[in-house]
PDB file of N, CA and C in Angstrom:
ATOM      1  N   MET A   1      16.790 -23.048 -28.372  1.00  0.00           N
ATOM      2  CA  MET A   1      15.809 -22.826 -28.382  1.00  0.00           C
ATOM      3  C   MET A   1      15.215 -21.973 -27.034  1.00  0.00           C
ATOM      4  N   ALA A   2      15.551 -20.955 -26.337  1.00  0.00           N
ATOM      5  CA  ALA A   2      14.708 -20.739 -25.703  1.00  0.00           C
ATOM      6  C   ALA A   2      13.271 -20.694 -25.080  1.00  0.00           C
ATOM      7  N   GLN A   3      12.926 -21.499 -23.978  1.00  0.00           N
ATOM      8  CA  GLN A   3      11.697 -21.668 -22.798  1.00  0.00           C
ATOM      9  C   GLN A   3      10.919 -20.369 -22.878  1.00  0.00           C
ATOM     10  N   THR A   4       9.262 -20.265 -23.322  1.00  0.00           N
ATOM     11  CA  THR A   4       8.513 -19.558 -22.439  1.00  0.00           C
ATOM     12  C   THR A   4       8.504 -19.909 -21.331  1.00  0.00           C
ATOM     13  N   PRO A   5       8.697 -18.682 -19.941  1.00  0.00           N
ATOM     14  CA  PRO A   5       8.197 -19.035 -18.503  1.00  0.00           C
ATOM     15  C   PRO A   5       6.788 -19.383 -18.056  1.00  0.00           C
ATOM     16  N   PRO A   6       6.500 -20.611 -17.278  1.00  0.00           N
ATOM     17  CA  PRO A   6       5.429 -20.830 -17.930  1.00  0.00           C
ATOM     18  C   PRO A   6       3.772 -19.444 -16.482  1.00  0.00           C
ATOM     19  N   ALA A   7       3.083 -19.368 -17.320  1.00  0.00           N
ATOM     20  CA  ALA A   7       2.554 -18.174 -16.259  1.00  0.00           C
ATOM     21  C   ALA A   7       1.659 -18.674 -15.559  1.00  0.00           C
ATOM     22  N   ARG A   8       1.499 -17.309 -14.411  1.00  0.00           N
ATOM     23  CA  ARG A   8       1.514 -17.777 -13.038  1.00  0.00           C
ATOM     24  C   ARG A   8       0.035 -16.629 -12.726  1.00  0.00           C
ATOM     25  N   ASP A   9      -0.264 -16.836 -12.101  1.00  0.00           N
ATOM     26  CA  ASP A   9      -1.323 -15.550 -11.520  1.00  0.00           C
ATOM     27  C   ASP A   9      -1.132 -14.603  -9.758  1.00  0.00           C
ATOM     28  N   MET A  10      -1.049 -13.435 -10.308  1.00  0.00           N
ATOM     29  CA  MET A  10      -0.315 -13.050  -9.589  1.00  0.00           C
ATOM     30  C   MET A  10      -1.398 -12.464  -8.616  1.00  0.00           C
ATOM     31  N   TRP A  11      -1.712 -12.264  -6.880  1.00  0.00           N
ATOM     32  CA  TRP A  11      -1.812 -11.659  -6.364  1.00  0.00           C
ATOM     33  C   TRP A  11      -1.950 -10.309  -5.244  1.00  0.00           C
ATOM     34  N   MET A  12      -2.304  -9.622  -5.201  1.00  0.00           N
ATOM     35  CA  MET A  12      -1.568  -8.329  -3.864  1.00  0.00           C
ATOM     36  C   MET A  12      -2.416  -8.064  -2.901  1.00  0.00           C
ATOM     37  N   MET A  13      -2.439  -7.839  -2.222  1.00  0.00           N
ATOM     38  CA  MET A  13      -3.498  -6.918  -1.282  1.00  0.00           C
ATOM     39  C   MET A  13      -2.954  -6.060  -0.347  1.00  0.00           C
ATOM     40  N   LEU A  14      -3.674  -5.220   0.349  1.00  0.00           N
ATOM     41  CA  LEU A  14      -3.506  -3.977   1.536  1.00  0.00           C
ATOM     42  C   LEU A  14      -4.460  -4.175   2.140  1.00  0.00           C
ATOM     43  N   ARG A  15      -4.297  -3.983   3.652  1.00  0.00           N
ATOM     44  CA  ARG A  15      -5.200  -3.806   4.322  1.00  0.00           C
ATOM     45  C   ARG A  15      -5.196  -2.912   5.616  1.00  0.00           C
ATOM     46  N   PHE A  16      -6.062  -1.666   5.003  1.00  0.00           N
ATOM     47  CA  PHE A  16      -5.562  -1.004   7.257  1.00  0.00           C
ATOM     48  C   PHE A  16      -7.306  -0.912   7.241  1.00  0.00           C
ATOM     49  N   GLY A  17      -7.024  -1.333   8.251  1.00  0.00           N
ATOM     50  CA  GLY A  17      -8.387  -1.731   9.060  1.00  0.00           C
ATOM     51  C   GLY A  17      -9.792  -2.401   8.245  1.00  0.00           C
ATOM     52  N   GLN A  18     -10.627  -1.033   8.100  1.00  0.00           N
ATOM     53  CA  GLN A  18     -11.766  -2.363   7.188  1.00  0.00           C
ATOM     54  C   GLN A  18     -11.307  -1.867   5.595  1.00  0.00           C
ATOM     55  N   LEU A  19     -10.667  -1.205   5.520  1.00  0.00           N
ATOM     56  CA  LEU A  19      -9.817  -0.834   3.825  1.00  0.00           C
ATOM     57  C   LEU A  19      -9.164  -1.847   3.555  1.00  0.00           C
ATOM     58  N   GLU A  20      -9.610  -2.495   2.700  1.00  0.00           N
ATOM     59  CA  GLU A  20      -8.539  -3.319   1.953  1.00  0.00           C
ATOM     60  C   GLU A  20      -9.078  -3.006  -0.133  1.00  0.00           C
ATOM     61  N   VAL A  21      -7.749  -2.876  -0.007  1.00  0.00           N
ATOM     62  CA  VAL A  21      -8.017  -2.986  -2.415  1.00  0.00           C
ATOM     63  C   VAL A  21      -6.817  -4.195  -2.329  1.00  0.00           C
ATOM     64  N   ASN A  22      -7.313  -5.299  -3.250  1.00  0.00           N
ATOM     65  CA  ASN A  22      -6.760  -6.339  -3.758  1.00  0.00           C
ATOM     66  C   ASN A  22      -6.991  -5.945  -5.471  1.00  0.00           C
ATOM     67  N   LEU A  23      -5.846  -6.377  -5.864  1.00  0.00           N
ATOM     68  CA  LEU A  23      -5.355  -6.592  -7.342  1.00  0.00           C
ATOM     69  C   LEU A  23      -4.625  -7.670  -7.078  1.00  0.00           C
ATOM     70  N   SER A  24      -5.768  -8.435  -8.364  1.00  0.00           N
ATOM     71  CA  SER A  24      -4.571  -9.949  -9.124  1.00  0.00           C
ATOM     72  C   SER A  24      -4.707  -9.919 -10.517  1.00  0.00           C
ATOM     73  N   ALA A  25      -3.693 -10.739 -10.965  1.00  0.00           N
ATOM     74  CA  ALA A  25      -2.909 -10.725 -12.974  1.00  0.00           C
ATOM     75  C   ALA A  25      -3.240 -11.889 -13.208  1.00  0.00           C
ATOM     76  N   GLU A  26      -3.448 -13.151 -13.735  1.00  0.00           N
ATOM     77  CA  GLU A  26      -3.741 -13.838 -14.304  1.00  0.00           C
ATOM     78  C   GLU A  26      -3.286 -14.216 -15.504  1.00  0.00           C
ATOM     79  N   GLY A  27      -2.484 -14.929 -15.624  1.00  0.00           N
ATOM     80  CA  GLY A  27      -1.658 -15.739 -16.586  1.00  0.00           C
ATOM     81  C   GLY A  27      -0.674 -14.973 -17.209  1.00  0.00           C
ATOM     82  N   VAL A  28      -0.067 -14.741 -15.956  1.00  0.00           N
ATOM     83  CA  VAL A  28       1.207 -13.626 -16.251  1.00  0.00           C
ATOM     84  C   VAL A  28       2.825 -14.107 -16.069  1.00  0.00           C
ATOM     85  N   SER A  29       3.596 -13.784 -16.821  1.00  0.00           N
ATOM     86  CA  SER A  29       5.023 -14.689 -16.696  1.00  0.00           C
ATOM     87  C   SER A  29       5.811 -13.664 -15.094  1.00  0.00           C
ATOM     88  N   TYR A  30       6.073 -14.230 -14.173  1.00  0.00           N
ATOM     89  CA  TYR A  30       6.676 -13.385 -13.177  1.00  0.00           C
ATOM     90  C   TYR A  30       8.133 -12.409 -13.362  1.00  0.00           C
ATOM     91  N   ALA A  31       7.772 -11.488 -13.587  1.00  0.00           N
ATOM     92  CA  ALA A  31       9.187 -10.320 -13.249  1.00  0.00           C
ATOM     93  C   ALA A  31       9.063  -9.478 -12.803  1.00  0.00           C
ATOM     94  N   PRO A  32       9.719  -9.048 -12.192  1.00  0.00           N
ATOM     95  CA  PRO A  32       9.744  -7.537 -11.508  1.00  0.00           C
ATOM     96  C   PRO A  32       9.427  -6.662 -11.834  1.00  0.00           C
ATOM     97  N   ASP A  33       9.257  -6.190 -13.670  1.00  0.00           N
ATOM     98  CA  ASP A  33       8.658  -5.386 -14.331  1.00  0.00           C
ATOM     99  C   ASP A  33       6.412  -5.679 -13.722  1.00  0.00           C
ATOM    100  N   VAL A  34       6.479  -6.924 -13.927  1.00  0.00           N
ATOM    101  CA  VAL A  34       5.015  -6.721 -13.035  1.00  0.00           C
ATOM    102  C   VAL A  34       4.795  -6.483 -12.021  1.00  0.00           C
ATOM    103  N   ALA A  35       5.569  -7.201 -10.997  1.00  0.00           N
ATOM    104  CA  ALA A  35       5.618  -7.043  -9.941  1.00  0.00           C
ATOM    105  C   ALA A  35       4.977  -5.288  -9.518  1.00  0.00           C
ATOM    106  N   ASP A  36       6.266  -5.186  -9.896  1.00  0.00           N
ATOM    107  CA  ASP A  36       6.253  -3.482  -9.908  1.00  0.00           C
ATOM    108  C   ASP A  36       5.412  -2.885 -10.096  1.00  0.00           C
ATOM    109  N   ASP A  37       4.516  -2.815 -11.566  1.00  0.00           N
ATOM    110  CA  ASP A  37       3.859  -2.371 -11.809  1.00  0.00           C
ATOM    111  C   ASP A  37       2.154  -2.450 -10.991  1.00  0.00           C
ATOM    112  N   MET A  38       2.918  -4.038 -10.920  1.00  0.00           N
ATOM    113  CA  MET A  38       1.509  -4.087 -10.362  1.00  0.00           C
ATOM    114  C   MET A  38       0.824  -3.240  -8.571  1.00  0.00           C
ATOM    115  N   THR A  39       2.116  -3.298  -8.611  1.00  0.00           N
ATOM    116  CA  THR A  39       2.419  -2.487  -6.821  1.00  0.00           C
ATOM    117  C   THR A  39       1.995  -0.665  -6.791  1.00  0.00           C
ATOM    118  N   ARG A  40       2.397  -0.359  -7.808  1.00  0.00           N
ATOM    119  CA  ARG A  40       2.485   0.960  -8.144  1.00  0.00           C
ATOM    120  C   ARG A  40       0.392   1.231  -8.207  1.00  0.00           C
ATOM    121  N   HIS A  41      -0.217   0.490  -8.774  1.00  0.00           N
ATOM    122  CA  HIS A  41      -1.523   0.127  -9.333  1.00  0.00           C
ATOM    123  C   HIS A  41      -2.074   0.208  -8.197  1.00  0.00           C
ATOM    124  N   LEU A  42      -1.383  -0.963  -6.795  1.00  0.00           N
ATOM    125  CA  LEU A  42      -2.692  -0.893  -5.619  1.00  0.00           C
ATOM    126  C   LEU A  42      -2.428   0.398  -4.910  1.00  0.00           C
ATOM    127  N   VAL A  43      -0.958   0.721  -4.524  1.00  0.00           N
ATOM    128  CA  VAL A  43      -0.758   1.742  -3.451  1.00  0.00           C
ATOM    129  C   VAL A  43      -1.042   2.886  -4.264  1.00  0.00           C
ATOM    130  N   ARG A  44      -1.267   2.951  -5.786  1.00  0.00           N
ATOM    131  CA  ARG A  44      -2.344   4.247  -6.580  1.00  0.00           C
ATOM    132  C   ARG A  44      -4.224   4.431  -5.446  1.00  0.00           C
ATOM    133  N   ALA A  45      -4.413   3.109  -5.824  1.00  0.00           N
ATOM    134  CA  ALA A  45      -5.451   2.971  -5.590  1.00  0.00           C
ATOM    135  C   ALA A  45      -6.101   3.137  -4.221  1.00  0.00           C
ATOM    136  N   PHE A  46      -5.426   2.421  -3.377  1.00  0.00           N
ATOM    137  CA  PHE A  46      -5.143   2.375  -1.977  1.00  0.00           C
ATOM    138  C   PHE A  46      -5.410   4.124  -1.568  1.00  0.00           C
ATOM    139  N   SER A  47      -3.814   4.809  -1.732  1.00  0.00           N
ATOM    140  CA  SER A  47      -3.941   6.190  -1.442  1.00  0.00           C
ATOM    141  C   SER A  47      -5.655   7.128  -2.161  1.00  0.00           C
ATOM    142  N   GLU A  48      -5.894   6.434  -3.281  1.00  0.00           N
ATOM    143  CA  GLU A  48      -7.389   7.367  -3.575  1.00  0.00           C
ATOM    144  C   GLU A  48      -8.065   6.653  -2.644  1.00  0.00           C
ATOM    145  N   ALA A  49      -8.027   5.455  -2.328  1.00  0.00           N
ATOM    146  CA  ALA A  49      -9.312   5.317  -1.299  1.00  0.00           C
ATOM    147  C   ALA A  49      -9.552   6.535   0.199  1.00  0.00           C
ATOM    148  N   ILE A  50      -8.614   6.514   0.284  1.00  0.00           N
ATOM    149  CA  ILE A  50      -7.760   7.230   1.654  1.00  0.00           C
ATOM    150  C   ILE A  50      -8.623   8.766   0.861  1.00  0.00           C
ATOM    151  N   ALA A  51      -8.514   9.240   0.001  1.00  0.00           N
ATOM    152  CA  ALA A  51      -8.869  10.712  -0.891  1.00  0.00           C
ATOM    153  C   ALA A  51     -10.110  10.158  -0.204  1.00  0.00           C
ATOM    154  N   GLU A  52     -11.035   9.465  -0.748  1.00  0.00           N
ATOM    155  CA  GLU A  52     -12.072   9.697  -0.513  1.00  0.00           C
ATOM    156  C   GLU A  52     -13.234   9.891   0.557  1.00  0.00           C
ATOM    157  N   LEU A  53     -12.197   8.365   1.033  1.00  0.00           N
ATOM    158  CA  LEU A  53     -12.713   8.732   2.663  1.00  0.00           C
ATOM    159  C   LEU A  53     -12.953   9.815   3.578  1.00  0.00           C
ATOM    160  N   ARG A  54     -11.517  10.442   3.074  1.00  0.00           N
ATOM    161  CA  ARG A  54     -11.127  11.882   3.631  1.00  0.00           C
ATOM    162  C   ARG A  54     -11.933  13.301   3.013  1.00  0.00           C
ATOM    163  N   ASP A  55     -12.579  13.075   1.789  1.00  0.00           N
ATOM    164  CA  ASP A  55     -13.286  13.991   1.174  1.00  0.00           C
ATOM    165  C   ASP A  55     -14.619  13.766   1.678  1.00  0.00           C
ATOM    166  N   HIS A  56     -15.237  12.580   2.135  1.00  0.00           N
ATOM    167  CA  HIS A  56     -16.824  12.233   2.808  1.00  0.00           C
ATOM    168  C   HIS A  56     -16.805  11.944   3.982  1.00  0.00           C
ATOM    169  N   GLY A  57     -15.510  13.162   4.539  1.00  0.00           N
ATOM    170  CA  GLY A  57     -15.927  12.722   5.992  1.00  0.00           C
ATOM    171  C   GLY A  57     -15.113  11.681   6.383  1.00  0.00           C
ATOM    172  N   VAL A  58     -15.153  10.926   6.365  1.00  0.00           N
ATOM    173  CA  VAL A  58     -15.291   8.745   6.851  1.00  0.00           C
ATOM    174  C   VAL A  58     -14.281   9.669   8.038  1.00  0.00           C
ATOM    175  N   ILE A  59     -13.096   9.817   7.373  1.00  0.00           N
ATOM    176  CA  ILE A  59     -11.683  10.092   8.250  1.00  0.00           C
ATOM    177  C   ILE A  59     -11.084  11.428   8.206  1.00  0.00           C
ATOM    178  N   GLY A  60     -10.811  12.023   8.959  1.00  0.00           N
ATOM    179  CA  GLY A  60     -10.538  13.325   9.599  1.00  0.00           C
ATOM    180  C   GLY A  60      -8.771  13.245   8.741  1.00  0.00           C
ATOM    181  N   GLU A  61      -8.232  14.448   8.353  1.00  0.00           N
ATOM    182  CA  GLU A  61      -6.906  14.763   7.707  1.00  0.00           C
ATOM    183  C   GLU A  61      -5.730  14.951   9.345  1.00  0.00           C
ATOM    184  N   VAL A  62      -4.744  14.458   8.696  1.00  0.00           N
ATOM    185  CA  VAL A  62      -3.612  14.516   9.662  1.00  0.00           C
ATOM    186  C   VAL A  62      -2.422  15.744   9.684  1.00  0.00           C
ATOM    187  N   ASP A  63      -2.723  15.823  10.758  1.00  0.00           N
ATOM    188  CA  ASP A  63      -2.183  17.032  10.803  1.00  0.00           C
ATOM    189  C   ASP A  63      -0.627  17.210  10.792  1.00  0.00           C
ATOM    190  N   SER A  64       0.055  17.496  10.424  1.00  0.00           N
ATOM    191  CA  SER A  64       1.717  17.395   9.824  1.00  0.00           C
ATOM    192  C   SER A  64       2.161  18.040  10.945  1.00  0.00           C
ATOM    193  N   ASP A  65       2.135  18.594  12.132  1.00  0.00           N
ATOM    194  CA  ASP A  65       2.368  18.438  13.011  1.00  0.00           C
ATOM    195  C   ASP A  65       2.476  18.161  14.696  1.00  0.00           C
ATOM    196  N   GLU A  66       1.631  16.833  14.536  1.00  0.00           N
ATOM    197  CA  GLU A  66       1.672  16.256  15.485  1.00  0.00           C
ATOM    198  C   GLU A  66       2.495  14.745  15.008  1.00  0.00           C
ATOM    199  N   ASP A  67       2.831  15.072  16.215  1.00  0.00           N
ATOM    200  CA  ASP A  67       4.154  13.437  16.298  1.00  0.00           C
ATOM    201  C   ASP A  67       3.709  11.972  16.097  1.00  0.00           C
ATOM    202  N   GLU A  68       3.690  10.960  15.513  1.00  0.00           N
ATOM    203  CA  GLU A  68       3.628  10.148  15.184  1.00  0.00           C
ATOM    204  C   GLU A  68       3.217   9.288  16.198  1.00  0.00           C
ATOM    205  N   ASP A  69       4.839   9.088  17.037  1.00  0.00           N
ATOM    206  CA  ASP A  69       4.982   8.788  17.989  1.00  0.00           C
ATOM    207  C   ASP A  69       4.700   9.043  19.329  1.00  0.00           C
ATOM    208  N   GLU A  70       3.950   9.658  19.676  1.00  0.00           N
ATOM    209  CA  GLU A  70       3.241  10.184  21.280  1.00  0.00           C
ATOM    210  C   GLU A  70       4.204   9.743  21.987  1.00  0.00           C
ATOM    211  N   THR A  71       4.765   8.300  21.796  1.00  0.00           N
ATOM    212  CA  THR A  71       4.814   7.617  23.275  1.00  0.00           C
ATOM    213  C   THR A  71       6.551   7.193  22.464  1.00  0.00           C
ATOM    214  N   ASP A  72       7.180   8.288  22.408  1.00  0.00           N
ATOM    215  CA  ASP A  72       8.826   8.184  22.075  1.00  0.00           C
ATOM    216  C   ASP A  72       9.279   8.660  24.088  1.00  0.00           C
ATOM    217  N   ASP A  73      10.065   7.435  24.020  1.00  0.00           N
ATOM    218  CA  ASP A  73      11.070   7.430  25.356  1.00  0.00           C
ATOM    219  C   ASP A  73      12.197   7.592  24.957  1.00  0.00           C
ATOM    220  N   ASP A  74      12.945   7.880  24.046  1.00  0.00           N
ATOM    221  CA  ASP A  74      14.498   7.950  23.457  1.00  0.00           C
ATOM    222  C   ASP A  74      14.683   9.978  24.428  1.00  0.00           C
ATOM    223  N   GLU A  75      13.449  10.568  24.967  1.00  0.00           N
ATOM    224  CA  GLU A  75      13.690  12.356  24.883  1.00  0.00           C
ATOM    225  C   GLU A  75      15.012  11.245  26.034  1.00  0.00           C
ATOM    226  N   ASP A  76      15.833  12.395  26.501  1.00  0.00           N
ATOM    227  CA  ASP A  76      17.470  12.595  27.923  1.00  0.00           C
ATOM    228  C   ASP A  76      16.035  13.320  28.915  1.00  0.00           C
ATOM    229  N   THR A  77      15.968  12.575  29.406  1.00  0.00           N
ATOM    230  CA  THR A  77      15.431  13.694  30.729  1.00  0.00           C
ATOM    231  C   THR A  77      16.021  13.608  32.009  1.00  0.00           C
ATOM    232  N   THR A  78      17.427  13.826  32.171  1.00  0.00           N
ATOM    233  CA  THR A  78      18.538  13.175  32.923  1.00  0.00           C
ATOM    234  C   THR A  78      18.668  14.658  32.947  1.00  0.00           C
ATOM    235  N   GLU A  79      18.971  15.110  34.101  1.00  0.00           N
ATOM    236  CA  GLU A  79      19.472  16.720  34.044  1.00  0.00           C
ATOM    237  C   GLU A  79      20.913  16.437  35.163  1.00  0.00           C
TER     238      GLU A  79
END
């Protein structure tokens, strides 16, 4: 007879500065599908929160032409 795996609680949190998104599932059996589903929900909620902050002018848009790493020392400056 197969045993049912014990139910556990799972928590995930994503924080960037003061923006924080928490997600919990109580009494679930751990499975990669459950973790993957929670991760997708967490990332979607975080992305929606960022979009709301942009819509209300709290944060600005990201300039796609702007280099994310402006301190790039990999450039060859020797002549």
